[in-house]
C-alpha atoms as a PDB file:
ATOM      1  CA  MET A   1      -5.270 -69.060 -93.717  1.00  0.00           C
ATOM      2  CA  LEU A   2      -2.378 -67.653 -94.961  1.00  0.00           C
ATOM      3  CA  GLU A   3      -0.160 -70.369 -97.256  1.00  0.00           C
ATOM      4  CA  ILE A   4       3.869 -69.580 -97.486  1.00  0.00           C
ATOM      5  CA  GLU A   5       4.710 -70.299-101.197  1.00  0.00           C
ATOM      6  CA  LYS A   6       7.129 -73.609-101.084  1.00  0.00           C
ATOM      7  CA  GLY A   7      10.494 -73.875-102.613  1.00  0.00           C
ATOM      8  CA  TYR A   8      12.524 -70.771-101.522  1.00  0.00           C
ATOM      9  CA  GLU A   9      13.889 -69.716 -98.573  1.00  0.00           C
ATOM     10  CA  SER A  10      13.039 -66.195 -98.019  1.00  0.00           C
ATOM     11  CA  VAL A  11      13.755 -63.114 -95.738  1.00  0.00           C
ATOM     12  CA  ASN A  12      12.159 -59.705 -94.996  1.00  0.00           C
ATOM     13  CA  LYS A  13      13.644 -56.551 -96.329  1.00  0.00           C
ATOM     14  CA  THR A  14      12.439 -53.184 -96.701  1.00  0.00           C
ATOM     15  CA  PHE A  15      13.094 -51.160 -99.068  1.00  0.00           C
ATOM     16  CA  ARG A  16      11.941 -47.906-100.323  1.00  0.00           C
ATOM     17  CA  ILE A  17      10.796 -48.137-103.944  1.00  0.00           C
ATOM     18  CA  PRO A  18       9.403 -45.022-105.782  1.00  0.00           C
ATOM     19  CA  VAL A  19       5.829 -44.484-106.109  1.00  0.00           C
ATOM     20  CA  ASN A  20       6.229 -44.695-110.237  1.00  0.00           C
ATOM     21  CA  ILE A  21       7.579 -48.018-110.054  1.00  0.00           C
ATOM     22  CA  VAL A  22       5.314 -49.181-107.074  1.00  0.00           C
ATOM     23  CA  GLU A  23       2.670 -48.431-109.309  1.00  0.00           C
ATOM     24  CA  GLN A  24       4.102 -50.387-112.081  1.00  0.00           C
ATOM     25  CA  LEU A  25       4.952 -53.265-110.371  1.00  0.00           C
ATOM     26  CA  GLU A  26       1.369 -53.299-109.016  1.00  0.00           C
ATOM     27  CA  ARG A  27      -0.474 -52.674-112.549  1.00  0.00           C
ATOM     28  CA  LEU A  28       1.690 -55.995-113.749  1.00  0.00           C
ATOM     29  CA  ALA A  29       0.568 -58.045-110.539  1.00  0.00           C
ATOM     30  CA  GLY A  30      -3.017 -56.754-111.040  1.00  0.00           C
ATOM     31  CA  GLU A  31      -2.854 -58.062-115.090  1.00  0.00           C
ATOM     32  CA  ASN A  32      -1.318 -60.914-114.538  1.00  0.00           C
ATOM     33  CA  ASN A  33      -3.436 -61.909-111.169  1.00  0.00           C
ATOM     34  CA  THR A  34      -0.580 -62.496-109.070  1.00  0.00           C
ATOM     35  CA  SER A  35       1.124 -60.559-106.160  1.00  0.00           C
ATOM     36  CA  VAL A  36       3.262 -57.279-106.387  1.00  0.00           C
ATOM     37  CA  ASN A  37       6.187 -59.907-104.377  1.00  0.00           C
ATOM     38  CA  LYS A  38       6.366 -62.391-106.718  1.00  0.00           C
ATOM     39  CA  VAL A  39       6.509 -59.923-109.887  1.00  0.00           C
ATOM     40  CA  VAL A  40       9.325 -57.936-107.726  1.00  0.00           C
ATOM     41  CA  VAL A  41      11.535 -61.409-107.320  1.00  0.00           C
ATOM     42  CA  GLN A  42      10.876 -61.922-110.973  1.00  0.00           C
ATOM     43  CA  CYS A  43      12.335 -58.527-111.684  1.00  0.00           C
ATOM     44  CA  LEU A  44      14.890 -58.945-109.346  1.00  0.00           C
ATOM     45  CA  GLN A  45      15.933 -62.010-110.698  1.00  0.00           C
ATOM     46  CA  TYR A  46      16.156 -60.989-114.049  1.00  0.00           C
ATOM     47  CA  ALA A  47      17.928 -57.791-114.038  1.00  0.00           C
ATOM     48  CA  LEU A  48      20.255 -60.212-111.564  1.00  0.00           C
ATOM     49  CA  ASP A  49      20.945 -62.440-114.518  1.00  0.00           C
ATOM     50  CA  ASN A  50      21.051 -59.573-116.972  1.00  0.00           C
ATOM     51  CA  ILE A  51      23.286 -57.481-115.752  1.00  0.00           C
ATOM     52  CA  SER A  52      26.405 -56.481-117.387  1.00  0.00           C
ATOM     53  CA  THR A  53      29.574 -57.212-114.807  1.00  0.00           C
ATOM     54  CA  ASP A  54      32.494 -55.996-117.770  1.00  0.00           C
ATOM     55  CA  SER A  55      34.663 -53.213-116.892  1.00  0.00           C
ATOM     56  CA  SER A  56      34.242 -51.550-119.701  1.00  0.00           C
ATOM     57  CA  ASP A  57      30.741 -51.398-119.796  1.00  0.00           C
ATOM     58  CA  ASP A  58      31.641 -47.968-117.056  1.00  0.00           C
ATOM     59  CA  LYS A  59      33.670 -46.407-119.373  1.00  0.00           C
ATOM     60  CA  LYS A  60      31.357 -45.503-121.915  1.00  0.00           C
END
């Protein structure tokens, strides 16, 4: 039976992702014995935590 991971509320979304990125995500998931979804969530959270919001970066 499918068990939904507890700890956070989630929503279903559909995204178009280039094939080469999907292949990398699947490889990472396999190497770490986890789901592609968990890898994607972790990558997105890392990107959001580390994104620069300094407007001067846009002018470089």
